[in-house]
C-alpha atoms as a PDB file:
ATOM      1  CA  MET A   1     -25.059-126.663  31.067  1.00  0.00           C
ATOM      2  CA  LEU A   2     -24.850-126.275  27.275  1.00  0.00           C
ATOM      3  CA  LEU A   3     -23.133-123.255  25.755  1.00  0.00           C
ATOM      4  CA  ALA A   4     -26.445-122.338  24.124  1.00  0.00           C
ATOM      5  CA  GLU A   5     -28.142-122.442  27.531  1.00  0.00           C
ATOM      6  CA  ASP A   6     -25.484-120.135  28.968  1.00  0.00           C
ATOM      7  CA  LEU A   7     -26.016-117.723  26.074  1.00  0.00           C
ATOM      8  CA  LEU A   8     -29.795-117.751  26.438  1.00  0.00           C
ATOM      9  CA  LEU A   9     -29.587-117.091  30.183  1.00  0.00           C
ATOM     10  CA  LEU A  10     -27.199-114.216  29.481  1.00  0.00           C
ATOM     11  CA  ALA A  11     -29.720-112.762  27.027  1.00  0.00           C
ATOM     12  CA  LEU A  12     -32.818-112.992  29.232  1.00  0.00           C
ATOM     13  CA  ASP A  13     -34.220-110.272  31.423  1.00  0.00           C
ATOM     14  CA  PRO A  14     -34.542-112.372  34.606  1.00  0.00           C
ATOM     15  CA  ASP A  15     -37.874-110.850  35.647  1.00  0.00           C
ATOM     16  CA  ARG A  16     -39.627-110.239  32.329  1.00  0.00           C
ATOM     17  CA  GLY A  17     -38.410-113.516  30.872  1.00  0.00           C
ATOM     18  CA  THR A  18     -37.803-112.033  27.418  1.00  0.00           C
ATOM     19  CA  PRO A  19     -34.556-111.160  25.585  1.00  0.00           C
ATOM     20  CA  VAL A  20     -33.041-107.963  26.938  1.00  0.00           C
ATOM     21  CA  ASN A  21     -32.654-106.422  23.493  1.00  0.00           C
ATOM     22  CA  SER A  22     -36.139-107.453  22.284  1.00  0.00           C
ATOM     23  CA  SER A  23     -34.637-109.060  19.174  1.00  0.00           C
ATOM     24  CA  ARG A  24     -34.859-112.823  18.834  1.00  0.00           C
ATOM     25  CA  GLN A  25     -33.418-113.119  15.309  1.00  0.00           C
ATOM     26  CA  PRO A  26     -29.744-112.383  16.071  1.00  0.00           C
ATOM     27  CA  LEU A  27     -29.995-114.412  19.270  1.00  0.00           C
ATOM     28  CA  GLY A  28     -31.465-117.364  17.368  1.00  0.00           C
ATOM     29  CA  VAL A  29     -28.524-117.446  14.975  1.00  0.00           C
ATOM     30  CA  ALA A  30     -26.109-117.120  17.888  1.00  0.00           C
ATOM     31  CA  LEU A  31     -27.816-120.017  19.702  1.00  0.00           C
ATOM     32  CA  CYS A  32     -27.346-122.194  16.615  1.00  0.00           C
ATOM     33  CA  GLY A  33     -23.713-121.133  16.582  1.00  0.00           C
ATOM     34  CA  ALA A  34     -23.338-122.087  20.231  1.00  0.00           C
ATOM     35  CA  LEU A  35     -24.695-125.581  19.550  1.00  0.00           C
ATOM     36  CA  VAL A  36     -22.308-126.045  16.622  1.00  0.00           C
ATOM     37  CA  ALA A  37     -19.435-124.746  18.761  1.00  0.00           C
ATOM     38  CA  GLU A  38     -20.329-127.297  21.450  1.00  0.00           C
ATOM     39  CA  LEU A  39     -19.886-130.062  18.893  1.00  0.00           C
ATOM     40  CA  GLY A  40     -16.642-128.487  17.729  1.00  0.00           C
ATOM     41  CA  LEU A  41     -15.192-128.425  21.235  1.00  0.00           C
ATOM     42  CA  ALA A  42     -16.086-132.114  21.554  1.00  0.00           C
ATOM     43  CA  GLY A  43     -14.333-132.935  18.261  1.00  0.00           C
ATOM     44  CA  LEU A  44     -17.597-133.960  16.590  1.00  0.00           C
ATOM     45  CA  ILE A  45     -17.472-131.684  13.534  1.00  0.00           C
ATOM     46  CA  GLU A  46     -14.815-130.814  10.992  1.00  0.00           C
ATOM     47  CA  GLU A  47     -14.501-128.492   8.019  1.00  0.00           C
ATOM     48  CA  ASP A  48     -15.194-130.186   4.697  1.00  0.00           C
ATOM     49  CA  GLY A  49     -14.201-127.541   2.192  1.00  0.00           C
ATOM     50  CA  ARG A  50     -16.462-124.603   2.994  1.00  0.00           C
ATOM     51  CA  ARG A  51     -19.021-126.707   4.866  1.00  0.00           C
ATOM     52  CA  LEU A  52     -19.170-128.229   8.333  1.00  0.00           C
ATOM     53  CA  ALA A  53     -19.421-132.009   8.471  1.00  0.00           C
ATOM     54  CA  PRO A  54     -20.386-134.186  11.455  1.00  0.00           C
ATOM     55  CA  VAL A  55     -17.823-136.783  12.525  1.00  0.00           C
ATOM     56  CA  GLY A  56     -17.655-139.399  15.252  1.00  0.00           C
ATOM     57  CA  ILE A  57     -20.474-140.858  17.304  1.00  0.00           C
ATOM     58  CA  ARG A  58     -23.666-138.845  17.737  1.00  0.00           C
ATOM     59  CA  PRO A  59     -23.722-137.230  21.195  1.00  0.00           C
ATOM     60  CA  LYS A  60     -26.097-138.492  23.876  1.00  0.00           C
ATOM     61  CA  HIS A  61     -27.714-135.120  24.519  1.00  0.00           C
ATOM     62  CA  PRO A  62     -30.848-135.121  22.298  1.00  0.00           C
ATOM     63  CA  LEU A  63     -30.486-131.527  21.093  1.00  0.00           C
ATOM     64  CA  LEU A  64     -26.798-131.935  20.264  1.00  0.00           C
ATOM     65  CA  ALA A  65     -27.598-135.245  18.563  1.00  0.00           C
ATOM     66  CA  ASP A  66     -30.160-133.503  16.342  1.00  0.00           C
ATOM     67  CA  VAL A  67     -27.688-130.726  15.474  1.00  0.00           C
ATOM     68  CA  HIS A  68     -24.999-133.316  14.704  1.00  0.00           C
ATOM     69  CA  ALA A  69     -27.368-135.143  12.348  1.00  0.00           C
ATOM     70  CA  ALA A  70     -28.717-131.953  10.760  1.00  0.00           C
ATOM     71  CA  LEU A  71     -25.260-130.698   9.791  1.00  0.00           C
ATOM     72  CA  GLY A  72     -24.969-133.733   7.543  1.00  0.00           C
ATOM     73  CA  THR A  73     -28.265-133.099   5.766  1.00  0.00           C
ATOM     74  CA  VAL A  74     -28.992-129.348   5.573  1.00  0.00           C
ATOM     75  CA  ARG A  75     -28.344-127.880   2.152  1.00  0.00           C
ATOM     76  CA  GLY A  76     -25.893-125.125   1.356  1.00  0.00           C
ATOM     77  CA  ARG A  77     -22.410-124.752  -0.020  1.00  0.00           C
ATOM     78  CA  ARG A  78     -21.088-122.756   2.935  1.00  0.00           C
ATOM     79  CA  ALA A  79     -21.086-123.146   6.686  1.00  0.00           C
ATOM     80  CA  ALA A  80     -23.099-119.911   6.831  1.00  0.00           C
ATOM     81  CA  ASP A  81     -25.816-121.527   4.684  1.00  0.00           C
ATOM     82  CA  GLN A  82     -25.921-124.511   7.027  1.00  0.00           C
ATOM     83  CA  LEU A  83     -26.157-122.292  10.078  1.00  0.00           C
ATOM     84  CA  ARG A  84     -28.969-120.269   8.512  1.00  0.00           C
ATOM     85  CA  ARG A  85     -31.021-123.425   7.892  1.00  0.00           C
ATOM     86  CA  LEU A  86     -30.181-125.167  11.162  1.00  0.00           C
ATOM     87  CA  ASP A  87     -32.965-123.458  13.119  1.00  0.00           C
ATOM     88  CA  GLY A  88     -35.688-125.029  10.982  1.00  0.00           C
ATOM     89  CA  ALA A  89     -33.881-128.352  10.726  1.00  0.00           C
ATOM     90  CA  ILE A  90     -33.966-128.925  14.497  1.00  0.00           C
ATOM     91  CA  GLY A  91     -37.511-127.675  15.043  1.00  0.00           C
ATOM     92  CA  GLY A  92     -36.728-124.171  16.294  1.00  0.00           C
ATOM     93  CA  VAL A  93     -33.591-123.454  18.287  1.00  0.00           C
ATOM     94  CA  TRP A  94     -35.279-120.978  20.657  1.00  0.00           C
ATOM     95  CA  SER A  95     -37.978-123.436  21.742  1.00  0.00           C
ATOM     96  CA  ARG A  96     -35.544-126.364  21.980  1.00  0.00           C
ATOM     97  CA  VAL A  97     -33.106-124.505  24.244  1.00  0.00           C
ATOM     98  CA  VAL A  98     -35.881-122.910  26.318  1.00  0.00           C
ATOM     99  CA  ASP A  99     -37.668-126.242  26.767  1.00  0.00           C
ATOM    100  CA  GLY A 100     -34.503-127.814  28.149  1.00  0.00           C
ATOM    101  CA  LEU A 101     -34.138-125.032  30.714  1.00  0.00           C
ATOM    102  CA  VAL A 102     -37.831-125.228  31.637  1.00  0.00           C
ATOM    103  CA  ASP A 103     -37.571-129.009  32.108  1.00  0.00           C
ATOM    104  CA  ALA A 104     -34.572-128.425  34.398  1.00  0.00           C
ATOM    105  CA  ASP A 105     -36.575-125.861  36.427  1.00  0.00           C
ATOM    106  CA  VAL A 106     -34.087-123.129  35.534  1.00  0.00           C
ATOM    107  CA  LEU A 107     -36.773-121.156  33.673  1.00  0.00           C
ATOM    108  CA  GLY A 108     -40.506-120.864  34.123  1.00  0.00           C
ATOM    109  CA  ARG A 109     -43.175-120.467  31.457  1.00  0.00           C
ATOM    110  CA  ARG A 110     -45.883-117.814  31.759  1.00  0.00           C
ATOM    111  CA  ARG A 111     -48.367-116.885  29.050  1.00  0.00           C
ATOM    112  CA  ASP A 112     -49.809-113.377  29.183  1.00  0.00           C
ATOM    113  CA  ARG A 113     -52.265-111.634  26.900  1.00  0.00           C
ATOM    114  CA  VAL A 114     -51.533-108.088  25.764  1.00  0.00           C
ATOM    115  CA  LEU A 115     -54.670-106.829  23.999  1.00  0.00           C
ATOM    116  CA  VAL A 116     -55.254-109.618  21.460  1.00  0.00           C
ATOM    117  CA  VAL A 117     -51.669-110.883  21.390  1.00  0.00           C
ATOM    118  CA  ARG A 118     -50.571-113.794  23.568  1.00  0.00           C
ATOM    119  CA  ILE A 119     -46.974-113.449  24.775  1.00  0.00           C
ATOM    120  CA  THR A 120     -44.955-116.190  26.462  1.00  0.00           C
ATOM    121  CA  HIS A 121     -42.463-115.164  29.133  1.00  0.00           C
ATOM    122  CA  HIS A 122     -39.739-117.331  30.655  1.00  0.00           C
ATOM    123  CA  PRO A 123     -38.752-115.798  34.004  1.00  0.00           C
ATOM    124  CA  VAL A 124     -35.572-117.123  35.583  1.00  0.00           C
ATOM    125  CA  LEU A 125     -36.417-119.433  38.507  1.00  0.00           C
ATOM    126  CA  ARG A 126     -32.882-120.391  39.480  1.00  0.00           C
ATOM    127  CA  THR A 127     -31.387-116.925  39.616  1.00  0.00           C
ATOM    128  CA  GLU A 128     -28.038-118.276  40.796  1.00  0.00           C
ATOM    129  CA  ALA A 129     -27.632-120.067  37.444  1.00  0.00           C
ATOM    130  CA  ARG A 130     -28.036-116.843  35.458  1.00  0.00           C
ATOM    131  CA  ASP A 131     -26.017-114.843  37.986  1.00  0.00           C
ATOM    132  CA  GLU A 132     -23.061-117.218  37.544  1.00  0.00           C
ATOM    133  CA  VAL A 133     -23.140-116.862  33.749  1.00  0.00           C
ATOM    134  CA  VAL A 134     -23.453-113.068  33.904  1.00  0.00           C
ATOM    135  CA  TRP A 135     -20.635-112.803  36.461  1.00  0.00           C
ATOM    136  CA  ARG A 136     -18.363-115.045  34.379  1.00  0.00           C
ATOM    137  CA  MET A 137     -19.001-113.121  31.156  1.00  0.00           C
ATOM    138  CA  ARG A 138     -18.588-109.713  32.784  1.00  0.00           C
ATOM    139  CA  THR A 139     -15.343-110.844  34.386  1.00  0.00           C
ATOM    140  CA  ALA A 140     -14.142-112.094  31.004  1.00  0.00           C
ATOM    141  CA  ALA A 141     -15.253-108.935  29.180  1.00  0.00           C
ATOM    142  CA  THR A 142     -13.669-106.482  31.597  1.00  0.00           C
ATOM    143  CA  GLY A 143     -10.568-108.489  32.543  1.00  0.00           C
ATOM    144  CA  ASP A 144      -7.289-109.220  30.809  1.00  0.00           C
ATOM    145  CA  GLY A 145      -6.622-112.853  31.661  1.00  0.00           C
ATOM    146  CA  PRO A 146      -6.734-115.891  29.373  1.00  0.00           C
ATOM    147  CA  LEU A 147     -10.140-117.244  28.372  1.00  0.00           C
ATOM    148  CA  ASP A 148     -11.052-120.909  28.629  1.00  0.00           C
ATOM    149  CA  PRO A 149     -12.675-122.254  25.428  1.00  0.00           C
ATOM    150  CA  ARG A 150     -16.239-122.358  26.763  1.00  0.00           C
ATOM    151  CA  THR A 151     -16.144-118.850  28.206  1.00  0.00           C
ATOM    152  CA  ALA A 152     -14.497-117.570  25.019  1.00  0.00           C
ATOM    153  CA  THR A 153     -17.267-119.088  22.909  1.00  0.00           C
ATOM    154  CA  VAL A 154     -20.129-117.484  24.843  1.00  0.00           C
ATOM    155  CA  LEU A 155     -18.314-114.149  25.044  1.00  0.00           C
ATOM    156  CA  ALA A 156     -17.586-114.227  21.303  1.00  0.00           C
ATOM    157  CA  LEU A 157     -21.241-114.926  20.496  1.00  0.00           C
ATOM    158  CA  SER A 158     -22.439-112.166  22.827  1.00  0.00           C
ATOM    159  CA  GLY A 159     -21.235-109.684  20.203  1.00  0.00           C
ATOM    160  CA  PRO A 160     -23.441-110.714  17.252  1.00  0.00           C
ATOM    161  CA  ALA A 161     -26.254-111.495  19.730  1.00  0.00           C
ATOM    162  CA  ARG A 162     -26.214-107.772  20.707  1.00  0.00           C
ATOM    163  CA  LEU A 163     -25.405-108.380  24.352  1.00  0.00           C
ATOM    164  CA  LEU A 164     -22.581-105.863  24.764  1.00  0.00           C
ATOM    165  CA  GLU A 165     -24.592-103.893  27.329  1.00  0.00           C
ATOM    166  CA  VAL A 166     -25.124-107.078  29.351  1.00  0.00           C
ATOM    167  CA  VAL A 167     -21.468-108.090  29.501  1.00  0.00           C
ATOM    168  CA  ALA A 168     -20.325-104.478  29.967  1.00  0.00           C
ATOM    169  CA  PRO A 169     -23.100-102.509  31.705  1.00  0.00           C
ATOM    170  CA  GLN A 170     -20.822 -99.531  32.367  1.00  0.00           C
ATOM    171  CA  ARG A 171     -20.319 -97.401  29.256  1.00  0.00           C
ATOM    172  CA  ALA A 172     -16.670 -96.764  30.186  1.00  0.00           C
ATOM    173  CA  GLU A 173     -15.979-100.522  30.007  1.00  0.00           C
ATOM    174  CA  ARG A 174     -17.399-101.126  26.544  1.00  0.00           C
ATOM    175  CA  ARG A 175     -14.364-100.297  24.420  1.00  0.00           C
ATOM    176  CA  HIS A 176     -12.304-102.816  26.376  1.00  0.00           C
ATOM    177  CA  ALA A 177     -15.187-105.309  26.247  1.00  0.00           C
ATOM    178  CA  LYS A 178     -15.337-105.017  22.451  1.00  0.00           C
ATOM    179  CA  ALA A 179     -11.621-105.788  22.282  1.00  0.00           C
ATOM    180  CA  ARG A 180     -12.132-108.825  24.518  1.00  0.00           C
ATOM    181  CA  ILE A 181     -15.051-110.007  22.369  1.00  0.00           C
ATOM    182  CA  ALA A 182     -12.804-109.650  19.309  1.00  0.00           C
ATOM    183  CA  ALA A 183     -10.081-111.669  21.044  1.00  0.00           C
ATOM    184  CA  ALA A 184     -12.618-114.334  22.003  1.00  0.00           C
ATOM    185  CA  THR A 185     -13.847-114.429  18.405  1.00  0.00           C
ATOM    186  CA  ASP A 186     -10.312-115.275  17.283  1.00  0.00           C
ATOM    187  CA  GLN A 187     -10.537-118.346  19.550  1.00  0.00           C
ATOM    188  CA  THR A 188     -14.005-119.331  18.278  1.00  0.00           C
ATOM    189  CA  PRO A 189     -14.164-120.400  14.608  1.00  0.00           C
ATOM    190  CA  ILE A 190     -17.983-120.355  14.472  1.00  0.00           C
ATOM    191  CA  ALA A 191     -18.303-116.741  15.704  1.00  0.00           C
ATOM    192  CA  PRO A 192     -17.398-114.997  12.404  1.00  0.00           C
ATOM    193  CA  ILE A 193     -19.872-117.277  10.593  1.00  0.00           C
ATOM    194  CA  VAL A 194     -22.624-116.278  13.037  1.00  0.00           C
ATOM    195  CA  ARG A 195     -21.836-112.608  12.459  1.00  0.00           C
ATOM    196  CA  LYS A 196     -21.937-113.104   8.681  1.00  0.00           C
ATOM    197  CA  VAL A 197     -25.347-114.820   8.795  1.00  0.00           C
ATOM    198  CA  ILE A 198     -26.802-112.032  10.957  1.00  0.00           C
ATOM    199  CA  GLN A 199     -25.338-109.312   8.722  1.00  0.00           C
ATOM    200  CA  GLU A 200     -26.749-110.991   5.603  1.00  0.00           C
ATOM    201  CA  ALA A 201     -30.189-111.266   7.242  1.00  0.00           C
ATOM    202  CA  GLN A 202     -30.090-107.602   8.261  1.00  0.00           C
ATOM    203  CA  GLN A 203     -29.066-106.553   4.748  1.00  0.00           C
ATOM    204  CA  ALA A 204     -31.878-108.631   3.238  1.00  0.00           C
ATOM    205  CA  ALA A 205     -34.424-107.119   5.631  1.00  0.00           C
ATOM    206  CA  ALA A 206     -33.200-103.596   4.863  1.00  0.00           C
ATOM    207  CA  ALA A 207     -33.391-104.267   1.120  1.00  0.00           C
ATOM    208  CA  ALA A 208     -36.930-105.647   1.475  1.00  0.00           C
ATOM    209  CA  ALA A 209     -38.004-102.604   3.492  1.00  0.00           C
ATOM    210  CA  THR A 210     -36.525-100.259   0.868  1.00  0.00           C
ATOM    211  CA  THR A 211     -38.277-102.127  -1.942  1.00  0.00           C
ATOM    212  CA  ALA A 212     -41.594-101.978  -0.079  1.00  0.00           C
ATOM    213  CA  ALA A 213     -41.183 -98.254   0.562  1.00  0.00           C
ATOM    214  CA  ILE A 214     -40.421 -97.579  -3.115  1.00  0.00           C
ATOM    215  CA  ALA A 215     -43.413 -99.650  -4.210  1.00  0.00           C
ATOM    216  CA  SER A 216     -45.673 -97.808  -1.766  1.00  0.00           C
ATOM    217  CA  THR A 217     -44.442 -94.426  -3.003  1.00  0.00           C
ATOM    218  CA  ALA A 218     -44.906 -95.425  -6.634  1.00  0.00           C
ATOM    219  CA  SER A 219     -48.502 -96.514  -6.018  1.00  0.00           C
ATOM    220  CA  THR A 220     -49.545 -93.187  -4.433  1.00  0.00           C
END
């Protein structure tokens, strides 16, 4: 299973089939980061100044192949700029990762109507697949042992994806879990970039909201 698929399963409410924190934007950036990290672990990207550059043969997996190609074409002077634009370049990271899990019968697809709004849910069909990811991340978050690169990557990205309460459901465990996420981040070069992109998006949204509020007040 891809790192991005592990991260998405970790983020889903298994019954409702929606992200546990009801926020897709941070998760979307983290999913892009997981795909880039997958290429990094395979030795298929390298740093070219402040950017990430694809190297080697394009991977066989179609989603990873598209990410590999996109990193060579998306604009931006920094890796954070590339990561921000990667979602659109590959046709929507959420739908691409979800579709792969639906095709593998790991997730379902159910469309419900709430008043006039149509909402798509993706309940977990193979609960053992999600249970294994959750168990592995909780063990990593609450333990003290060494982290293998794949586990470290998903745990590191759980921080900016706002999944602390998933990997550490007990409040008393969360301080230790934060320290473990920080340690995992040190092992995962893409994780700080993901955090930076999310922080910049949050700051932009806050600035836009403030501007709108000021404009509304001025017009009354």
